[in-house]
Amino acid sequence: MTGEIQTWIAPLTVLASIAAVLVVRAVAVILIHPDATFLPLTLTPVILDTAVLVTIAAFVFRRIVSGGSLPGPILALIGGRFFTLDRVSAFRVVAIRALMISFLPDIGVVVSRPQYWQYALTLAAMHVVAWAVCVRMLTGLVKRAA
C-alpha cells in the first residue's frame, strides 16, 4: 500500500465509533434498564473508553500501514503470520485478536455477578460495534485515500 494516510481518517473513525456505541447503549438502556451503579454502561466511561481505544487502534493501523516497527506486545498479539500478510490484512488480524481480548472483562462481569449477564452482553455488543466501525472505516477509507 502506498500513499499518505489522510489525517482526517482517524478522528472521523473515532467519532463514528463513539456514535455507533452510543446507539447500542441507548437501545440497551431502553430494553434492559441497567442499574445506575453499573458504571461501565454510564455515558462517560462509554465515550472515554471508545475514544481512547479507537484512537490507539488508529495509531496501530497507521504504524502497520506505514511499515513502521511495532512494540513487543503488539508483535506478540499478531504472531508470526503477520509478516506474510499485506498490511491491511495484518491490521485486521490485530483488530480481531484485540476484539477477542476485549471480551475478557465482559466475561469477568458474568463470572463475578451472574445477574449482570445482560450488561455483559451489552458491553460485548458495544465492543463489536466499535471494532466493526473502526476496521471498516480505517481499511476502507485508507484504500480510497491512498
N, C-alpha and C. Protein backbone atom coordinates (compact mmCIF):
# COMPACT_ATOMS: atom_id res chain seq x y z
N MET A 1 0.85 -1.17 0.00
CA MET A 1 0.00 0.00 0.00
C MET A 1 0.89 1.23 0.00
N THR A 2 0.67 2.11 -0.91
CA THR A 2 1.49 3.31 -0.98
C THR A 2 0.61 4.51 -0.77
N GLY A 3 1.25 5.64 -0.59
CA GLY A 3 0.48 6.87 -0.41
C GLY A 3 0.41 7.27 1.05
N GLU A 4 0.08 8.50 1.27
CA GLU A 4 -0.02 9.05 2.62
C GLU A 4 -1.39 8.76 3.22
N ILE A 5 -1.38 8.44 4.48
CA ILE A 5 -2.63 8.21 5.19
C ILE A 5 -3.20 9.58 5.53
N GLN A 6 -4.42 9.82 5.15
CA GLN A 6 -5.06 11.11 5.37
C GLN A 6 -5.28 11.36 6.85
N THR A 7 -5.01 12.59 7.30
CA THR A 7 -5.10 12.91 8.73
C THR A 7 -6.52 12.94 9.26
N TRP A 8 -7.52 13.09 8.41
CA TRP A 8 -8.91 13.16 8.86
C TRP A 8 -9.51 11.80 9.12
N ILE A 9 -8.87 10.74 8.68
CA ILE A 9 -9.45 9.40 8.81
C ILE A 9 -9.57 8.97 10.28
N ALA A 10 -8.53 9.18 11.05
CA ALA A 10 -8.56 8.73 12.45
C ALA A 10 -9.62 9.47 13.27
N PRO A 11 -9.66 10.81 13.25
CA PRO A 11 -10.71 11.48 14.04
C PRO A 11 -12.13 11.10 13.59
N LEU A 12 -12.33 10.95 12.30
CA LEU A 12 -13.65 10.55 11.81
C LEU A 12 -14.01 9.14 12.29
N THR A 13 -13.04 8.27 12.31
CA THR A 13 -13.25 6.91 12.80
C THR A 13 -13.60 6.91 14.29
N VAL A 14 -12.90 7.72 15.06
CA VAL A 14 -13.19 7.81 16.50
C VAL A 14 -14.61 8.32 16.71
N LEU A 15 -14.98 9.38 16.03
CA LEU A 15 -16.32 9.95 16.19
C LEU A 15 -17.42 8.98 15.75
N ALA A 16 -17.21 8.31 14.64
CA ALA A 16 -18.20 7.35 14.16
C ALA A 16 -18.33 6.16 15.12
N SER A 17 -17.21 5.72 15.67
CA SER A 17 -17.26 4.62 16.63
C SER A 17 -18.00 5.01 17.90
N ILE A 18 -17.74 6.21 18.38
CA ILE A 18 -18.45 6.70 19.56
C ILE A 18 -19.95 6.78 19.28
N ALA A 19 -20.31 7.30 18.12
CA ALA A 19 -21.74 7.41 17.77
C ALA A 19 -22.39 6.04 17.71
N ALA A 20 -21.72 5.07 17.10
CA ALA A 20 -22.29 3.73 16.98
C ALA A 20 -22.44 3.06 18.35
N VAL A 21 -21.45 3.22 19.19
CA VAL A 21 -21.50 2.64 20.53
C VAL A 21 -22.61 3.30 21.35
N LEU A 22 -22.79 4.60 21.20
CA LEU A 22 -23.86 5.29 21.92
C LEU A 22 -25.24 4.83 21.46
N VAL A 23 -25.38 4.49 20.19
CA VAL A 23 -26.66 3.96 19.70
C VAL A 23 -26.94 2.61 20.37
N VAL A 24 -25.94 1.73 20.43
CA VAL A 24 -26.11 0.44 21.09
C VAL A 24 -26.45 0.64 22.56
N ARG A 25 -25.76 1.55 23.22
CA ARG A 25 -26.02 1.84 24.62
C ARG A 25 -27.45 2.35 24.82
N ALA A 26 -27.90 3.25 23.95
CA ALA A 26 -29.25 3.81 24.06
C ALA A 26 -30.31 2.72 23.93
N VAL A 27 -30.12 1.83 22.98
CA VAL A 27 -31.06 0.72 22.81
C VAL A 27 -31.06 -0.16 24.06
N ALA A 28 -29.87 -0.44 24.58
CA ALA A 28 -29.76 -1.28 25.77
C ALA A 28 -30.42 -0.63 26.98
N VAL A 29 -30.24 0.66 27.13
CA VAL A 29 -30.85 1.37 28.26
C VAL A 29 -32.37 1.26 28.18
N ILE A 30 -32.91 1.38 26.98
CA ILE A 30 -34.36 1.26 26.79
C ILE A 30 -34.83 -0.16 27.08
N LEU A 31 -34.08 -1.16 26.62
CA LEU A 31 -34.52 -2.55 26.74
C LEU A 31 -34.27 -3.18 28.11
N ILE A 32 -33.09 -2.92 28.70
CA ILE A 32 -32.75 -3.65 29.93
C ILE A 32 -32.72 -2.77 31.18
N HIS A 33 -32.83 -1.48 31.04
CA HIS A 33 -32.83 -0.56 32.18
C HIS A 33 -31.70 -0.89 33.16
N PRO A 34 -30.44 -0.67 32.76
CA PRO A 34 -29.34 -1.06 33.65
C PRO A 34 -29.33 -0.26 34.95
N ASP A 35 -28.83 -0.90 35.97
CA ASP A 35 -28.67 -0.28 37.28
C ASP A 35 -27.71 0.91 37.14
N ALA A 36 -28.07 2.05 37.67
CA ALA A 36 -27.25 3.26 37.55
C ALA A 36 -25.89 3.11 38.23
N THR A 37 -25.77 2.16 39.13
CA THR A 37 -24.49 1.94 39.81
C THR A 37 -23.53 1.10 38.98
N PHE A 38 -24.00 0.53 37.88
CA PHE A 38 -23.11 -0.23 36.99
C PHE A 38 -22.43 0.77 36.05
N LEU A 39 -21.28 1.26 36.47
CA LEU A 39 -20.60 2.36 35.79
C LEU A 39 -20.19 2.10 34.35
N PRO A 40 -19.81 0.89 33.96
CA PRO A 40 -19.40 0.70 32.56
C PRO A 40 -20.48 1.05 31.53
N LEU A 41 -21.74 1.12 31.94
CA LEU A 41 -22.79 1.49 30.99
C LEU A 41 -23.26 2.93 31.14
N THR A 42 -22.56 3.71 31.97
CA THR A 42 -22.88 5.14 32.05
C THR A 42 -22.18 5.87 30.91
N LEU A 43 -22.62 7.06 30.61
CA LEU A 43 -22.14 7.78 29.42
C LEU A 43 -20.64 8.05 29.40
N THR A 44 -20.11 8.57 30.49
CA THR A 44 -18.70 8.98 30.48
C THR A 44 -17.75 7.83 30.18
N PRO A 45 -17.85 6.69 30.89
CA PRO A 45 -16.94 5.60 30.55
C PRO A 45 -17.11 5.08 29.12
N VAL A 46 -18.34 5.04 28.65
CA VAL A 46 -18.58 4.56 27.29
C VAL A 46 -17.88 5.46 26.27
N ILE A 47 -18.03 6.74 26.43
CA ILE A 47 -17.43 7.68 25.48
C ILE A 47 -15.91 7.69 25.61
N LEU A 48 -15.40 7.79 26.83
CA LEU A 48 -13.94 7.85 27.03
C LEU A 48 -13.25 6.56 26.59
N ASP A 49 -13.79 5.42 26.99
CA ASP A 49 -13.16 4.15 26.61
C ASP A 49 -13.14 3.99 25.09
N THR A 50 -14.24 4.30 24.45
CA THR A 50 -14.30 4.18 22.99
C THR A 50 -13.30 5.14 22.34
N ALA A 51 -13.28 6.38 22.79
CA ALA A 51 -12.36 7.37 22.22
C ALA A 51 -10.91 6.94 22.38
N VAL A 52 -10.54 6.50 23.56
CA VAL A 52 -9.15 6.12 23.81
C VAL A 52 -8.77 4.88 23.02
N LEU A 53 -9.60 3.85 23.08
CA LEU A 53 -9.23 2.58 22.44
C LEU A 53 -9.28 2.65 20.92
N VAL A 54 -10.20 3.39 20.36
CA VAL A 54 -10.23 3.54 18.90
C VAL A 54 -9.07 4.43 18.44
N THR A 55 -8.70 5.40 19.24
CA THR A 55 -7.52 6.22 18.92
C THR A 55 -6.26 5.35 18.89
N ILE A 56 -6.14 4.48 19.88
CA ILE A 56 -5.00 3.55 19.89
C ILE A 56 -5.03 2.66 18.65
N ALA A 57 -6.20 2.17 18.30
CA ALA A 57 -6.33 1.34 17.10
C ALA A 57 -5.90 2.10 15.85
N ALA A 58 -6.25 3.38 15.78
CA ALA A 58 -5.86 4.20 14.63
C ALA A 58 -4.35 4.37 14.57
N PHE A 59 -3.71 4.55 15.73
CA PHE A 59 -2.25 4.65 15.74
C PHE A 59 -1.61 3.33 15.32
N VAL A 60 -2.14 2.22 15.80
CA VAL A 60 -1.62 0.92 15.42
C VAL A 60 -1.80 0.71 13.92
N PHE A 61 -2.96 1.08 13.41
CA PHE A 61 -3.21 0.96 11.97
C PHE A 61 -2.19 1.78 11.18
N ARG A 62 -2.00 3.01 11.59
CA ARG A 62 -1.03 3.87 10.89
C ARG A 62 0.36 3.26 10.92
N ARG A 63 0.75 2.71 12.06
CA ARG A 63 2.07 2.11 12.21
C ARG A 63 2.22 0.91 11.30
N ILE A 64 1.18 0.07 11.25
CA ILE A 64 1.23 -1.13 10.41
C ILE A 64 1.25 -0.76 8.94
N VAL A 65 0.37 0.14 8.53
CA VAL A 65 0.26 0.50 7.12
C VAL A 65 1.50 1.23 6.63
N SER A 66 2.11 2.03 7.49
CA SER A 66 3.30 2.78 7.07
C SER A 66 4.55 1.92 7.09
N GLY A 67 4.44 0.69 7.61
CA GLY A 67 5.59 -0.20 7.62
C GLY A 67 6.53 0.03 8.78
N GLY A 68 6.12 0.81 9.76
CA GLY A 68 6.96 1.07 10.92
C GLY A 68 7.07 -0.15 11.82
N SER A 69 8.08 -0.13 12.67
CA SER A 69 8.23 -1.24 13.61
C SER A 69 7.15 -1.15 14.68
N LEU A 70 6.85 -2.28 15.26
CA LEU A 70 5.78 -2.36 16.24
C LEU A 70 6.33 -2.71 17.62
N PRO A 71 5.69 -2.21 18.66
CA PRO A 71 6.11 -2.58 20.03
C PRO A 71 5.92 -4.07 20.27
N GLY A 72 6.69 -4.61 21.21
CA GLY A 72 6.66 -6.04 21.53
C GLY A 72 5.28 -6.60 21.82
N PRO A 73 4.45 -5.94 22.65
CA PRO A 73 3.13 -6.52 22.94
C PRO A 73 2.26 -6.67 21.70
N ILE A 74 2.38 -5.74 20.77
CA ILE A 74 1.58 -5.84 19.54
C ILE A 74 2.13 -6.96 18.66
N LEU A 75 3.45 -7.11 18.61
CA LEU A 75 4.03 -8.22 17.85
C LEU A 75 3.59 -9.56 18.44
N ALA A 76 3.52 -9.65 19.76
CA ALA A 76 3.06 -10.88 20.39
C ALA A 76 1.59 -11.15 20.05
N LEU A 77 0.81 -10.09 19.94
CA LEU A 77 -0.61 -10.22 19.64
C LEU A 77 -0.84 -10.73 18.22
N ILE A 78 0.00 -10.32 17.30
CA ILE A 78 -0.24 -10.66 15.91
C ILE A 78 0.41 -11.97 15.47
N GLY A 79 1.49 -12.36 16.10
CA GLY A 79 2.12 -13.63 15.79
C GLY A 79 2.95 -13.61 14.51
N GLY A 80 3.55 -14.74 14.20
CA GLY A 80 4.46 -14.85 13.07
C GLY A 80 3.80 -14.70 11.71
N ARG A 81 2.53 -15.06 11.60
CA ARG A 81 1.82 -14.97 10.32
C ARG A 81 1.75 -13.53 9.82
N PHE A 82 1.86 -12.59 10.73
CA PHE A 82 1.76 -11.18 10.41
C PHE A 82 2.67 -10.78 9.24
N PHE A 83 3.86 -11.33 9.20
CA PHE A 83 4.84 -10.91 8.21
C PHE A 83 4.57 -11.45 6.82
N THR A 84 3.61 -12.36 6.69
CA THR A 84 3.27 -12.89 5.36
C THR A 84 2.03 -12.22 4.77
N LEU A 85 1.41 -11.35 5.52
CA LEU A 85 0.18 -10.70 5.09
C LEU A 85 0.45 -9.32 4.49
N ASP A 86 -0.48 -8.87 3.65
CA ASP A 86 -0.39 -7.47 3.24
C ASP A 86 -0.74 -6.63 4.46
N ARG A 87 -0.46 -5.37 4.43
CA ARG A 87 -0.57 -4.52 5.63
C ARG A 87 -2.01 -4.37 6.14
N VAL A 88 -2.97 -4.25 5.25
CA VAL A 88 -4.36 -4.12 5.69
C VAL A 88 -4.84 -5.43 6.32
N SER A 89 -4.49 -6.55 5.73
CA SER A 89 -4.85 -7.84 6.33
C SER A 89 -4.17 -8.03 7.67
N ALA A 90 -2.94 -7.56 7.79
CA ALA A 90 -2.23 -7.65 9.07
C ALA A 90 -2.97 -6.85 10.14
N PHE A 91 -3.45 -5.67 9.79
CA PHE A 91 -4.21 -4.88 10.76
C PHE A 91 -5.49 -5.61 11.15
N ARG A 92 -6.14 -6.22 10.20
CA ARG A 92 -7.37 -6.96 10.52
C ARG A 92 -7.10 -8.10 11.51
N VAL A 93 -5.95 -8.76 11.37
CA VAL A 93 -5.57 -9.81 12.31
C VAL A 93 -5.40 -9.21 13.71
N VAL A 94 -4.70 -8.09 13.79
CA VAL A 94 -4.51 -7.42 15.08
C VAL A 94 -5.86 -7.02 15.67
N ALA A 95 -6.73 -6.47 14.84
CA ALA A 95 -8.02 -5.98 15.30
C ALA A 95 -8.91 -7.10 15.82
N ILE A 96 -8.97 -8.22 15.14
CA ILE A 96 -9.83 -9.31 15.60
C ILE A 96 -9.29 -9.91 16.89
N ARG A 97 -7.98 -9.98 17.01
CA ARG A 97 -7.41 -10.51 18.26
C ARG A 97 -7.63 -9.53 19.41
N ALA A 98 -7.53 -8.25 19.13
CA ALA A 98 -7.81 -7.26 20.17
C ALA A 98 -9.28 -7.32 20.58
N LEU A 99 -10.17 -7.55 19.63
CA LEU A 99 -11.59 -7.70 19.95
C LEU A 99 -11.80 -8.89 20.88
N MET A 100 -11.16 -10.01 20.59
CA MET A 100 -11.31 -11.19 21.44
C MET A 100 -10.82 -10.89 22.87
N ILE A 101 -9.73 -10.19 22.99
CA ILE A 101 -9.20 -9.82 24.31
C ILE A 101 -10.17 -8.87 25.02
N SER A 102 -10.84 -8.01 24.27
CA SER A 102 -11.75 -7.04 24.89
C SER A 102 -12.95 -7.72 25.55
N PHE A 103 -13.22 -8.97 25.20
CA PHE A 103 -14.33 -9.69 25.82
C PHE A 103 -13.98 -10.20 27.23
N LEU A 104 -12.71 -10.23 27.58
CA LEU A 104 -12.32 -10.77 28.89
C LEU A 104 -12.99 -10.03 30.06
N PRO A 105 -13.01 -8.69 30.09
CA PRO A 105 -13.72 -8.03 31.19
C PRO A 105 -15.22 -8.34 31.19
N ASP A 106 -15.80 -8.51 30.02
CA ASP A 106 -17.23 -8.85 29.95
C ASP A 106 -17.48 -10.23 30.57
N ILE A 107 -16.60 -11.15 30.28
CA ILE A 107 -16.70 -12.48 30.88
C ILE A 107 -16.52 -12.36 32.40
N GLY A 108 -15.61 -11.49 32.81
CA GLY A 108 -15.41 -11.26 34.24
C GLY A 108 -16.66 -10.74 34.93
N VAL A 109 -17.40 -9.89 34.24
CA VAL A 109 -18.66 -9.39 34.80
C VAL A 109 -19.62 -10.54 35.05
N VAL A 110 -19.76 -11.42 34.09
CA VAL A 110 -20.70 -12.54 34.22
C VAL A 110 -20.25 -13.50 35.32
N VAL A 111 -18.95 -13.75 35.40
CA VAL A 111 -18.44 -14.67 36.40
C VAL A 111 -18.63 -14.09 37.81
N SER A 112 -18.34 -12.81 37.97
CA SER A 112 -18.42 -12.21 39.30
C SER A 112 -19.85 -11.86 39.72
N ARG A 113 -20.68 -11.51 38.76
CA ARG A 113 -22.07 -11.13 39.04
C ARG A 113 -22.98 -11.71 37.96
N PRO A 114 -23.37 -12.96 38.10
CA PRO A 114 -24.18 -13.61 37.06
C PRO A 114 -25.48 -12.87 36.74
N GLN A 115 -26.02 -12.13 37.68
CA GLN A 115 -27.26 -11.39 37.43
C GLN A 115 -27.05 -10.26 36.43
N TYR A 116 -25.80 -9.90 36.15
CA TYR A 116 -25.50 -8.83 35.20
C TYR A 116 -25.18 -9.35 33.80
N TRP A 117 -25.63 -10.55 33.45
CA TRP A 117 -25.29 -11.12 32.15
C TRP A 117 -25.77 -10.23 31.00
N GLN A 118 -26.91 -9.55 31.17
CA GLN A 118 -27.40 -8.65 30.12
C GLN A 118 -26.46 -7.46 29.93
N TYR A 119 -25.89 -7.00 31.02
CA TYR A 119 -24.95 -5.88 30.95
C TYR A 119 -23.69 -6.31 30.20
N ALA A 120 -23.23 -7.52 30.50
CA ALA A 120 -22.03 -8.04 29.83
C ALA A 120 -22.28 -8.21 28.34
N LEU A 121 -23.46 -8.69 27.97
CA LEU A 121 -23.78 -8.82 26.54
C LEU A 121 -23.84 -7.45 25.87
N THR A 122 -24.36 -6.47 26.57
CA THR A 122 -24.40 -5.11 26.03
C THR A 122 -22.99 -4.58 25.82
N LEU A 123 -22.12 -4.77 26.80
CA LEU A 123 -20.74 -4.34 26.65
C LEU A 123 -20.07 -5.04 25.48
N ALA A 124 -20.31 -6.34 25.34
CA ALA A 124 -19.72 -7.09 24.23
C ALA A 124 -20.26 -6.57 22.89
N ALA A 125 -21.55 -6.26 22.84
CA ALA A 125 -22.12 -5.71 21.61
C ALA A 125 -21.48 -4.37 21.27
N MET A 126 -21.23 -3.56 22.29
CA MET A 126 -20.57 -2.26 22.05
C MET A 126 -19.15 -2.47 21.54
N HIS A 127 -18.46 -3.49 22.05
CA HIS A 127 -17.10 -3.78 21.57
C HIS A 127 -17.14 -4.18 20.09
N VAL A 128 -18.09 -5.03 19.74
CA VAL A 128 -18.21 -5.50 18.35
C VAL A 128 -18.53 -4.33 17.42
N VAL A 129 -19.43 -3.46 17.85
CA VAL A 129 -19.80 -2.31 17.01
C VAL A 129 -18.61 -1.38 16.83
N ALA A 130 -17.89 -1.08 17.91
CA ALA A 130 -16.71 -0.21 17.79
C ALA A 130 -15.66 -0.85 16.89
N TRP A 131 -15.44 -2.14 17.06
CA TRP A 131 -14.48 -2.86 16.22
C TRP A 131 -14.89 -2.80 14.75
N ALA A 132 -16.16 -3.07 14.47
CA ALA A 132 -16.63 -3.10 13.08
C ALA A 132 -16.49 -1.73 12.42
N VAL A 133 -16.89 -0.69 13.10
CA VAL A 133 -16.77 0.66 12.54
C VAL A 133 -15.31 1.02 12.34
N CYS A 134 -14.50 0.73 13.34
CA CYS A 134 -13.07 1.07 13.27
C CYS A 134 -12.38 0.36 12.11
N VAL A 135 -12.55 -0.94 12.03
CA VAL A 135 -11.86 -1.70 10.98
C VAL A 135 -12.38 -1.30 9.60
N ARG A 136 -13.68 -1.18 9.48
CA ARG A 136 -14.26 -0.84 8.18
C ARG A 136 -13.81 0.54 7.71
N MET A 137 -13.87 1.50 8.61
CA MET A 137 -13.51 2.87 8.19
C MET A 137 -12.02 2.99 7.93
N LEU A 138 -11.19 2.48 8.83
CA LEU A 138 -9.75 2.64 8.62
C LEU A 138 -9.28 1.94 7.35
N THR A 139 -9.71 0.70 7.17
CA THR A 139 -9.24 -0.02 5.99
C THR A 139 -9.92 0.47 4.72
N GLY A 140 -11.19 0.83 4.80
CA GLY A 140 -11.93 1.29 3.61
C GLY A 140 -11.52 2.67 3.16
N LEU A 141 -11.41 3.61 4.09
CA LEU A 141 -11.09 4.98 3.72
C LEU A 141 -9.63 5.15 3.31
N VAL A 142 -8.74 4.38 3.91
CA VAL A 142 -7.33 4.49 3.53
C VAL A 142 -7.13 3.96 2.13
N LYS A 143 -7.81 2.89 1.79
CA LYS A 143 -7.67 2.35 0.44
C LYS A 143 -8.10 3.39 -0.60
N ARG A 144 -9.18 4.11 -0.31
CA ARG A 144 -9.64 5.13 -1.24
C ARG A 144 -8.74 6.36 -1.23
N ALA A 145 -8.22 6.70 -0.06
CA ALA A 145 -7.42 7.91 0.06
C ALA A 145 -6.00 7.71 -0.43
N ALA A 146 -5.54 6.48 -0.41
CA ALA A 146 -4.14 6.22 -0.78
C ALA A 146 -3.95 6.28 -2.27
